[in-house]
PDB file of N, CA and C in Angstrom:
ATOM      1  N   MET A   1      51.383  80.502   0.107  1.00  0.00           N
ATOM      2  CA  MET A   1      50.959  79.079   0.124  1.00  0.00           C
ATOM      3  C   MET A   1      49.469  78.978   0.011  1.00  0.00           C
ATOM      4  N   ALA A   2      48.931  78.078  -0.709  1.00  0.00           N
ATOM      5  CA  ALA A   2      47.489  77.796  -0.811  1.00  0.00           C
ATOM      6  C   ALA A   2      47.051  77.274   0.577  1.00  0.00           C
ATOM      7  N   ALA A   3      45.827  77.297   0.756  1.00  0.00           N
ATOM      8  CA  ALA A   3      45.243  76.742   2.073  1.00  0.00           C
ATOM      9  C   ALA A   3      45.685  75.315   2.211  1.00  0.00           C
ATOM     10  N   PRO A   4      46.209  74.924   3.389  1.00  0.00           N
ATOM     11  CA  PRO A   4      46.725  73.572   3.590  1.00  0.00           C
ATOM     12  C   PRO A   4      45.591  72.545   3.711  1.00  0.00           C
ATOM     13  N   HIS A   5      45.908  71.287   3.414  1.00  0.00           N
ATOM     14  CA  HIS A   5      44.926  70.183   3.597  1.00  0.00           C
ATOM     15  C   HIS A   5      44.987  69.673   5.005  1.00  0.00           C
ATOM     16  N   PHE A   6      46.223  69.816   5.683  1.00  0.00           N
ATOM     17  CA  PHE A   6      46.285  69.307   7.073  1.00  0.00           C
ATOM     18  C   PHE A   6      47.290  70.254   7.817  1.00  0.00           C
ATOM     19  N   LEU A   7      47.048  70.187   9.145  1.00  0.00           N
ATOM     20  CA  LEU A   7      47.911  71.059  10.044  1.00  0.00           C
ATOM     21  C   LEU A   7      48.706  70.096  10.956  1.00  0.00           C
ATOM     22  N   VAL A   8      49.931  70.564  11.229  1.00  0.00           N
ATOM     23  CA  VAL A   8      50.864  69.942  12.201  1.00  0.00           C
ATOM     24  C   VAL A   8      51.338  70.998  13.173  1.00  0.00           C
ATOM     25  N   HIS A   9      51.059  70.847  14.418  1.00  0.00           N
ATOM     26  CA  HIS A   9      51.405  71.936  15.373  1.00  0.00           C
ATOM     27  C   HIS A   9      52.900  71.907  15.704  1.00  0.00           C
ATOM     28  N   ASN A  10      53.424  70.739  16.031  1.00  0.00           N
ATOM     29  CA  ASN A  10      54.864  70.677  16.461  1.00  0.00           C
ATOM     30  C   ASN A  10      55.637  69.831  15.466  1.00  0.00           C
ATOM     31  N   ALA A  11      56.905  70.218  15.256  1.00  0.00           N
ATOM     32  CA  ALA A  11      57.732  69.456  14.235  1.00  0.00           C
ATOM     33  C   ALA A  11      57.926  67.999  14.615  1.00  0.00           C
ATOM     34  N   GLN A  12      57.834  67.668  15.924  1.00  0.00           N
ATOM     35  CA  GLN A  12      57.975  66.245  16.334  1.00  0.00           C
ATOM     36  C   GLN A  12      56.725  65.454  16.292  1.00  0.00           C
ATOM     37  N   ASP A  13      55.570  66.061  15.933  1.00  0.00           N
ATOM     38  CA  ASP A  13      54.295  65.277  15.849  1.00  0.00           C
ATOM     39  C   ASP A  13      54.436  64.162  14.852  1.00  0.00           C
ATOM     40  N   THR A  14      53.693  63.055  15.102  1.00  0.00           N
ATOM     41  CA  THR A  14      53.718  61.932  14.146  1.00  0.00           C
ATOM     42  C   THR A  14      52.438  61.866  13.323  1.00  0.00           C
ATOM     43  N   VAL A  15      51.463  62.747  13.656  1.00  0.00           N
ATOM     44  CA  VAL A  15      50.199  62.827  12.946  1.00  0.00           C
ATOM     45  C   VAL A  15      49.858  64.283  12.675  1.00  0.00           C
ATOM     46  N   GLY A  16      49.179  64.552  11.618  1.00  0.00           N
ATOM     47  CA  GLY A  16      48.606  65.879  11.331  1.00  0.00           C
ATOM     48  C   GLY A  16      47.096  65.749  11.336  1.00  0.00           C
ATOM     49  N   VAL A  17      46.384  66.856  11.359  1.00  0.00           N
ATOM     50  CA  VAL A  17      44.944  66.870  11.373  1.00  0.00           C
ATOM     51  C   VAL A  17      44.415  67.445  10.022  1.00  0.00           C
ATOM     52  N   VAL A  18      43.590  66.681   9.414  1.00  0.00           N
ATOM     53  CA  VAL A  18      42.989  67.135   8.101  1.00  0.00           C
ATOM     54  C   VAL A  18      41.993  68.198   8.395  1.00  0.00           C
ATOM     55  N   VAL A  19      42.134  69.339   7.611  1.00  0.00           N
ATOM     56  CA  VAL A  19      41.315  70.553   7.835  1.00  0.00           C
ATOM     57  C   VAL A  19      40.511  70.858   6.574  1.00  0.00           C
ATOM     58  N   VAL A  20      40.343  69.921   5.676  1.00  0.00           N
ATOM     59  CA  VAL A  20      39.450  70.136   4.460  1.00  0.00           C
ATOM     60  C   VAL A  20      38.526  68.857   4.358  1.00  0.00           C
ATOM     61  N   GLU A  21      37.479  69.021   3.654  1.00  0.00           N
ATOM     62  CA  GLU A  21      36.580  67.844   3.407  1.00  0.00           C
ATOM     63  C   GLU A  21      37.008  67.182   2.124  1.00  0.00           C
ATOM     64  N   GLY A  22      36.677  65.957   2.032  1.00  0.00           N
ATOM     65  CA  GLY A  22      36.881  65.212   0.728  1.00  0.00           C
ATOM     66  C   GLY A  22      38.234  64.677   0.442  1.00  0.00           C
ATOM     67  N   VAL A  23      39.066  64.505   1.412  1.00  0.00           N
ATOM     68  CA  VAL A  23      40.433  63.917   1.144  1.00  0.00           C
ATOM     69  C   VAL A  23      40.254  62.517   0.633  1.00  0.00           C
ATOM     70  N   LYS A  24      40.773  62.193  -0.541  1.00  0.00           N
ATOM     71  CA  LYS A  24      40.636  60.877  -1.153  1.00  0.00           C
ATOM     72  C   LYS A  24      41.985  60.116  -1.169  1.00  0.00           C
ATOM     73  N   ALA A  25      41.867  58.808  -1.183  1.00  0.00           N
ATOM     74  CA  ALA A  25      43.090  57.999  -1.328  1.00  0.00           C
ATOM     75  C   ALA A  25      43.771  58.346  -2.624  1.00  0.00           C
ATOM     76  N   GLY A  26      45.048  58.498  -2.603  1.00  0.00           N
ATOM     77  CA  GLY A  26      45.886  58.843  -3.775  1.00  0.00           C
ATOM     78  C   GLY A  26      46.064  60.318  -3.999  1.00  0.00           C
ATOM     79  N   GLN A  27      45.391  61.119  -3.176  1.00  0.00           N
ATOM     80  CA  GLN A  27      45.530  62.569  -3.344  1.00  0.00           C
ATOM     81  C   GLN A  27      46.764  63.132  -2.707  1.00  0.00           C
ATOM     82  N   MET A  28      47.459  64.000  -3.427  1.00  0.00           N
ATOM     83  CA  MET A  28      48.686  64.663  -2.870  1.00  0.00           C
ATOM     84  C   MET A  28      48.175  65.804  -2.019  1.00  0.00           C
ATOM     85  N   LEU A  29      48.666  65.788  -0.758  1.00  0.00           N
ATOM     86  CA  LEU A  29      48.260  66.804   0.240  1.00  0.00           C
ATOM     87  C   LEU A  29      49.393  67.715   0.603  1.00  0.00           C
ATOM     88  N   THR A  30      49.025  68.974   0.983  1.00  0.00           N
ATOM     89  CA  THR A  30      49.979  69.904   1.493  1.00  0.00           C
ATOM     90  C   THR A  30      49.646  70.149   2.969  1.00  0.00           C
ATOM     91  N   GLY A  31      50.685  70.144   3.808  1.00  0.00           N
ATOM     92  CA  GLY A  31      50.509  70.393   5.218  1.00  0.00           C
ATOM     93  C   GLY A  31      51.339  71.604   5.705  1.00  0.00           C
ATOM     94  N   TRP A  32      50.890  72.193   6.717  1.00  0.00           N
ATOM     95  CA  TRP A  32      51.620  73.319   7.312  1.00  0.00           C
ATOM     96  C   TRP A  32      52.046  73.008   8.744  1.00  0.00           C
ATOM     97  N   VAL A  33      53.346  73.030   8.968  1.00  0.00           N
ATOM     98  CA  VAL A  33      53.910  72.787  10.282  1.00  0.00           C
ATOM     99  C   VAL A  33      53.964  74.166  10.998  1.00  0.00           C
ATOM    100  N   MET A  34      53.061  74.346  11.923  1.00  0.00           N
ATOM    101  CA  MET A  34      52.856  75.670  12.526  1.00  0.00           C
ATOM    102  C   MET A  34      54.097  76.151  13.311  1.00  0.00           C
ATOM    103  N   GLU A  35      54.728  75.198  14.033  1.00  0.00           N
ATOM    104  CA  GLU A  35      55.927  75.550  14.875  1.00  0.00           C
ATOM    105  C   GLU A  35      57.079  76.134  14.067  1.00  0.00           C
ATOM    106  N   THR A  36      57.276  75.623  12.866  1.00  0.00           N
ATOM    107  CA  THR A  36      58.457  76.059  12.059  1.00  0.00           C
ATOM    108  C   THR A  36      58.053  76.808  10.813  1.00  0.00           C
ATOM    109  N   ASP A  37      56.786  76.938  10.530  1.00  0.00           N
ATOM    110  CA  ASP A  37      56.161  77.620   9.347  1.00  0.00           C
ATOM    111  C   ASP A  37      56.675  76.894   8.104  1.00  0.00           C
ATOM    112  N   ALA A  38      56.922  75.606   8.204  1.00  0.00           N
ATOM    113  CA  ALA A  38      57.321  74.794   7.077  1.00  0.00           C
ATOM    114  C   ALA A  38      56.116  74.231   6.342  1.00  0.00           C
ATOM    115  N   THR A  39      56.233  73.969   5.112  1.00  0.00           N
ATOM    116  CA  THR A  39      55.262  73.287   4.247  1.00  0.00           C
ATOM    117  C   THR A  39      55.768  71.874   3.965  1.00  0.00           C
ATOM    118  N   ILE A  40      54.888  70.910   4.102  1.00  0.00           N
ATOM    119  CA  ILE A  40      55.244  69.504   3.755  1.00  0.00           C
ATOM    120  C   ILE A  40      54.184  68.915   2.796  1.00  0.00           C
ATOM    121  N   LYS A  41      54.638  67.987   1.999  1.00  0.00           N
ATOM    122  CA  LYS A  41      53.719  67.321   1.044  1.00  0.00           C
ATOM    123  C   LYS A  41      53.714  65.830   1.403  1.00  0.00           C
ATOM    124  N   LEU A  42      52.475  65.250   1.298  1.00  0.00           N
ATOM    125  CA  LEU A  42      52.332  63.835   1.684  1.00  0.00           C
ATOM    126  C   LEU A  42      51.169  63.302   0.864  1.00  0.00           C
ATOM    127  N   LYS A  43      51.344  62.105   0.333  1.00  0.00           N
ATOM    128  CA  LYS A  43      50.228  61.482  -0.453  1.00  0.00           C
ATOM    129  C   LYS A  43      49.355  60.676   0.551  1.00  0.00           C
ATOM    130  N   ALA A  44      48.029  60.994   0.507  1.00  0.00           N
ATOM    131  CA  ALA A  44      47.098  60.259   1.285  1.00  0.00           C
ATOM    132  C   ALA A  44      46.860  58.903   0.711  1.00  0.00           C
ATOM    133  N   LEU A  45      47.003  57.852   1.522  1.00  0.00           N
ATOM    134  CA  LEU A  45      46.820  56.509   1.038  1.00  0.00           C
ATOM    135  C   LEU A  45      45.419  55.952   1.397  1.00  0.00           C
ATOM    136  N   ASP A  46      44.671  56.713   2.198  1.00  0.00           N
ATOM    137  CA  ASP A  46      43.275  56.413   2.562  1.00  0.00           C
ATOM    138  C   ASP A  46      42.407  57.663   2.390  1.00  0.00           C
ATOM    139  N   ALA A  47      41.116  57.515   2.255  1.00  0.00           N
ATOM    140  CA  ALA A  47      40.249  58.669   2.356  1.00  0.00           C
ATOM    141  C   ALA A  47      40.253  59.034   3.847  1.00  0.00           C
ATOM    142  N   ILE A  48      40.359  60.326   4.162  1.00  0.00           N
ATOM    143  CA  ILE A  48      40.449  60.736   5.532  1.00  0.00           C
ATOM    144  C   ILE A  48      39.461  61.917   5.761  1.00  0.00           C
ATOM    145  N   PRO A  49      38.511  61.686   6.630  1.00  0.00           N
ATOM    146  CA  PRO A  49      37.486  62.747   6.905  1.00  0.00           C
ATOM    147  C   PRO A  49      38.106  63.978   7.591  1.00  0.00           C
ATOM    148  N   LEU A  50      37.382  65.079   7.436  1.00  0.00           N
ATOM    149  CA  LEU A  50      37.698  66.331   8.091  1.00  0.00           C
ATOM    150  C   LEU A  50      37.852  66.115   9.592  1.00  0.00           C
ATOM    151  N   GLY A  51      38.948  66.652  10.168  1.00  0.00           N
ATOM    152  CA  GLY A  51      39.156  66.514  11.611  1.00  0.00           C
ATOM    153  C   GLY A  51      39.877  65.245  12.062  1.00  0.00           C
ATOM    154  N   HIS A  52      40.119  64.342  11.097  1.00  0.00           N
ATOM    155  CA  HIS A  52      40.744  63.090  11.510  1.00  0.00           C
ATOM    156  C   HIS A  52      42.265  63.194  11.290  1.00  0.00           C
ATOM    157  N   LYS A  53      42.990  62.222  11.768  1.00  0.00           N
ATOM    158  CA  LYS A  53      44.428  62.290  11.764  1.00  0.00           C
ATOM    159  C   LYS A  53      45.018  61.510  10.524  1.00  0.00           C
ATOM    160  N   LEU A  54      46.151  62.113  10.106  1.00  0.00           N
ATOM    161  CA  LEU A  54      46.951  61.517   8.967  1.00  0.00           C
ATOM    162  C   LEU A  54      48.306  61.223   9.538  1.00  0.00           C
ATOM    163  N   ALA A  55      48.792  59.961   9.314  1.00  0.00           N
ATOM    164  CA  ALA A  55      50.137  59.560   9.792  1.00  0.00           C
ATOM    165  C   ALA A  55      51.132  60.286   8.895  1.00  0.00           C
ATOM    166  N   LEU A  56      52.100  60.987   9.543  1.00  0.00           N
ATOM    167  CA  LEU A  56      53.108  61.728   8.800  1.00  0.00           C
ATOM    168  C   LEU A  56      54.305  60.871   8.444  1.00  0.00           C
ATOM    169  N   LYS A  57      54.440  59.744   9.138  1.00  0.00           N
ATOM    170  CA  LYS A  57      55.567  58.838   8.870  1.00  0.00           C
ATOM    171  C   LYS A  57      55.092  57.419   9.239  1.00  0.00           C
ATOM    172  N   ALA A  58      55.866  56.449   8.933  1.00  0.00           N
ATOM    173  CA  ALA A  58      55.532  55.058   9.326  1.00  0.00           C
ATOM    174  C   ALA A  58      55.585  54.969  10.818  1.00  0.00           C
ATOM    175  N   ILE A  59      54.472  54.431  11.384  1.00  0.00           N
ATOM    176  CA  ILE A  59      54.343  54.313  12.841  1.00  0.00           C
ATOM    177  C   ILE A  59      54.210  52.764  13.110  1.00  0.00           C
ATOM    178  N   LYS A  60      55.028  52.288  14.011  1.00  0.00           N
ATOM    179  CA  LYS A  60      55.023  50.837  14.374  1.00  0.00           C
ATOM    180  C   LYS A  60      53.986  50.560  15.455  1.00  0.00           C
ATOM    181  N   LYS A  61      53.526  49.352  15.492  1.00  0.00           N
ATOM    182  CA  LYS A  61      52.587  48.920  16.530  1.00  0.00           C
ATOM    183  C   LYS A  61      53.275  49.156  17.870  1.00  0.00           C
ATOM    184  N   GLY A  62      52.634  49.883  18.791  1.00  0.00           N
ATOM    185  CA  GLY A  62      53.173  50.145  20.116  1.00  0.00           C
ATOM    186  C   GLY A  62      53.780  51.479  20.211  1.00  0.00           C
ATOM    187  N   ASP A  63      54.063  52.144  19.117  1.00  0.00           N
ATOM    188  CA  ASP A  63      54.695  53.464  19.117  1.00  0.00           C
ATOM    189  C   ASP A  63      53.721  54.510  19.665  1.00  0.00           C
ATOM    190  N   THR A  64      54.260  55.544  20.305  1.00  0.00           N
ATOM    191  CA  THR A  64      53.451  56.650  20.859  1.00  0.00           C
ATOM    192  C   THR A  64      53.093  57.558  19.689  1.00  0.00           C
ATOM    193  N   ILE A  65      51.831  57.990  19.769  1.00  0.00           N
ATOM    194  CA  ILE A  65      51.314  58.977  18.719  1.00  0.00           C
ATOM    195  C   ILE A  65      51.449  60.370  19.357  1.00  0.00           C
ATOM    196  N   LEU A  66      52.066  61.260  18.642  1.00  0.00           N
ATOM    197  CA  LEU A  66      52.205  62.690  19.058  1.00  0.00           C
ATOM    198  C   LEU A  66      51.315  63.567  18.211  1.00  0.00           C
ATOM    199  N   LYS A  67      50.499  64.369  18.853  1.00  0.00           N
ATOM    200  CA  LYS A  67      49.632  65.353  18.173  1.00  0.00           C
ATOM    201  C   LYS A  67      49.654  66.562  19.000  1.00  0.00           C
ATOM    202  N   TYR A  68      49.842  67.700  18.373  1.00  0.00           N
ATOM    203  CA  TYR A  68      49.923  69.033  19.114  1.00  0.00           C
ATOM    204  C   TYR A  68      51.052  68.991  20.119  1.00  0.00           C
ATOM    205  N   GLY A  69      52.087  68.180  19.900  1.00  0.00           N
ATOM    206  CA  GLY A  69      53.197  68.094  20.765  1.00  0.00           C
ATOM    207  C   GLY A  69      52.921  67.259  22.041  1.00  0.00           C
ATOM    208  N   HIS A  70      51.773  66.548  22.018  1.00  0.00           N
ATOM    209  CA  HIS A  70      51.397  65.742  23.221  1.00  0.00           C
ATOM    210  C   HIS A  70      51.180  64.266  22.858  1.00  0.00           C
ATOM    211  N   ASP A  71      51.450  63.430  23.797  1.00  0.00           N
ATOM    212  CA  ASP A  71      51.211  61.999  23.685  1.00  0.00           C
ATOM    213  C   ASP A  71      49.689  61.800  23.761  1.00  0.00           C
ATOM    214  N   ILE A  72      49.093  61.301  22.621  1.00  0.00           N
ATOM    215  CA  ILE A  72      47.663  61.102  22.640  1.00  0.00           C
ATOM    216  C   ILE A  72      47.292  59.610  22.707  1.00  0.00           C
ATOM    217  N   GLY A  73      48.308  58.750  22.783  1.00  0.00           N
ATOM    218  CA  GLY A  73      48.042  57.281  22.818  1.00  0.00           C
ATOM    219  C   GLY A  73      49.053  56.479  22.132  1.00  0.00           C
ATOM    220  N   LYS A  74      48.703  55.251  21.763  1.00  0.00           N
ATOM    221  CA  LYS A  74      49.687  54.387  21.105  1.00  0.00           C
ATOM    222  C   LYS A  74      49.045  53.713  19.921  1.00  0.00           C
ATOM    223  N   ALA A  75      49.857  53.333  18.968  1.00  0.00           N
ATOM    224  CA  ALA A  75      49.366  52.633  17.804  1.00  0.00           C
ATOM    225  C   ALA A  75      49.108  51.174  18.211  1.00  0.00           C
ATOM    226  N   VAL A  76      47.964  50.649  17.876  1.00  0.00           N
ATOM    227  CA  VAL A  76      47.646  49.242  18.219  1.00  0.00           C
ATOM    228  C   VAL A  76      47.811  48.400  16.948  1.00  0.00           C
ATOM    229  N   ALA A  77      48.204  49.027  15.820  1.00  0.00           N
ATOM    230  CA  ALA A  77      48.542  48.352  14.572  1.00  0.00           C
ATOM    231  C   ALA A  77      49.517  49.274  13.865  1.00  0.00           C
ATOM    232  N   ALA A  78      50.369  48.721  12.972  1.00  0.00           N
ATOM    233  CA  ALA A  78      51.254  49.570  12.163  1.00  0.00           C
ATOM    234  C   ALA A  78      50.391  50.515  11.286  1.00  0.00           C
ATOM    235  N   ILE A  79      50.867  51.743  11.186  1.00  0.00           N
ATOM    236  CA  ILE A  79      50.189  52.786  10.396  1.00  0.00           C
ATOM    237  C   ILE A  79      51.219  53.380   9.465  1.00  0.00           C
ATOM    238  N   GLY A  80      51.047  53.195   8.156  1.00  0.00           N
ATOM    239  CA  GLY A  80      51.946  53.691   7.157  1.00  0.00           C
ATOM    240  C   GLY A  80      51.818  55.197   6.971  1.00  0.00           C
ATOM    241  N   ALA A  81      52.821  55.815   6.518  1.00  0.00           N
ATOM    242  CA  ALA A  81      52.812  57.241   6.210  1.00  0.00           C
ATOM    243  C   ALA A  81      51.684  57.537   5.238  1.00  0.00           C
ATOM    244  N   GLY A  82      50.867  58.513   5.437  1.00  0.00           N
ATOM    245  CA  GLY A  82      49.742  58.810   4.563  1.00  0.00           C
ATOM    246  C   GLY A  82      48.453  58.054   4.863  1.00  0.00           C
ATOM    247  N   ARG A  83      48.499  57.215   5.887  1.00  0.00           N
ATOM    248  CA  ARG A  83      47.324  56.453   6.287  1.00  0.00           C
ATOM    249  C   ARG A  83      46.461  57.163   7.296  1.00  0.00           C
ATOM    250  N   HIS A  84      45.234  56.777   7.417  1.00  0.00           N
ATOM    251  CA  HIS A  84      44.282  57.313   8.361  1.00  0.00           C
ATOM    252  C   HIS A  84      44.595  56.743   9.761  1.00  0.00           C
ATOM    253  N   ALA A  85      44.821  57.633  10.691  1.00  0.00           N
ATOM    254  CA  ALA A  85      45.129  57.235  12.105  1.00  0.00           C
ATOM    255  C   ALA A  85      43.882  57.657  12.908  1.00  0.00           C
ATOM    256  N   HIS A  86      43.173  56.675  13.480  1.00  0.00           N
ATOM    257  CA  HIS A  86      41.931  56.940  14.155  1.00  0.00           C
ATOM    258  C   HIS A  86      41.689  55.824  15.190  1.00  0.00           C
ATOM    259  N   VAL A  87      40.449  55.713  15.673  1.00  0.00           N
ATOM    260  CA  VAL A  87      40.193  54.736  16.726  1.00  0.00           C
ATOM    261  C   VAL A  87      40.389  53.280  16.351  1.00  0.00           C
ATOM    262  N   HIS A  88      40.506  52.954  15.020  1.00  0.00           N
ATOM    263  CA  HIS A  88      40.714  51.633  14.615  1.00  0.00           C
ATOM    264  C   HIS A  88      42.212  51.152  14.812  1.00  0.00           C
ATOM    265  N   ASN A  89      43.129  52.145  14.891  1.00  0.00           N
ATOM    266  CA  ASN A  89      44.507  51.807  15.056  1.00  0.00           C
ATOM    267  C   ASN A  89      45.267  52.670  16.082  1.00  0.00           C
ATOM    268  N   VAL A  90      44.578  53.505  16.810  1.00  0.00           N
ATOM    269  CA  VAL A  90      45.105  54.322  17.901  1.00  0.00           C
ATOM    270  C   VAL A  90      44.252  54.157  19.139  1.00  0.00           C
ATOM    271  N   LYS A  91      44.904  53.900  20.252  1.00  0.00           N
ATOM    272  CA  LYS A  91      44.149  53.742  21.529  1.00  0.00           C
ATOM    273  C   LYS A  91      44.861  54.534  22.593  1.00  0.00           C
ATOM    274  N   THR A  92      44.101  54.966  23.577  1.00  0.00           N
ATOM    275  CA  THR A  92      44.661  55.643  24.769  1.00  0.00           C
ATOM    276  C   THR A  92      45.546  54.639  25.499  1.00  0.00           C
ATOM    277  N   LYS A  93      46.515  55.192  26.255  1.00  0.00           N
ATOM    278  CA  LYS A  93      47.371  54.331  27.043  1.00  0.00           C
ATOM    279  C   LYS A  93      46.762  54.102  28.445  1.00  0.00           C
ATOM    280  N   ARG A  94      45.602  54.699  28.721  1.00  0.00           N
ATOM    281  CA  ARG A  94      44.941  54.572  30.018  1.00  0.00           C
ATOM    282  C   ARG A  94      44.346  53.188  30.292  1.00  0.00           C
ATOM    283  N   TRP A  95      44.023  52.454  29.226  1.00  0.00           N
ATOM    284  CA  TRP A  95      43.481  51.117  29.427  1.00  0.00           C
ATOM    285  C   TRP A  95      44.264  50.122  28.812  1.00  0.00           C
TER     286      TRP A  95
END
């Protein structure tokens, strides 16, 4: 497998982490699911910076976001598969 564009730690994660620079909207990305050693493909619908999250599936407003197998917060807006998931649409559940 060529170097992946994004990493997913656990098969149940709802977001992956972009590990390359320059991801553009419309680009076909390859991801590696570390837990299962699976490769997945997903089209980026937004430009996504290095280190930021990519929605792996459609996420509804209020849904829990899973990253590295952990609850990292909730969606405060719907996030489509392939969209940028970050502070504009994901918030902690603490507040």
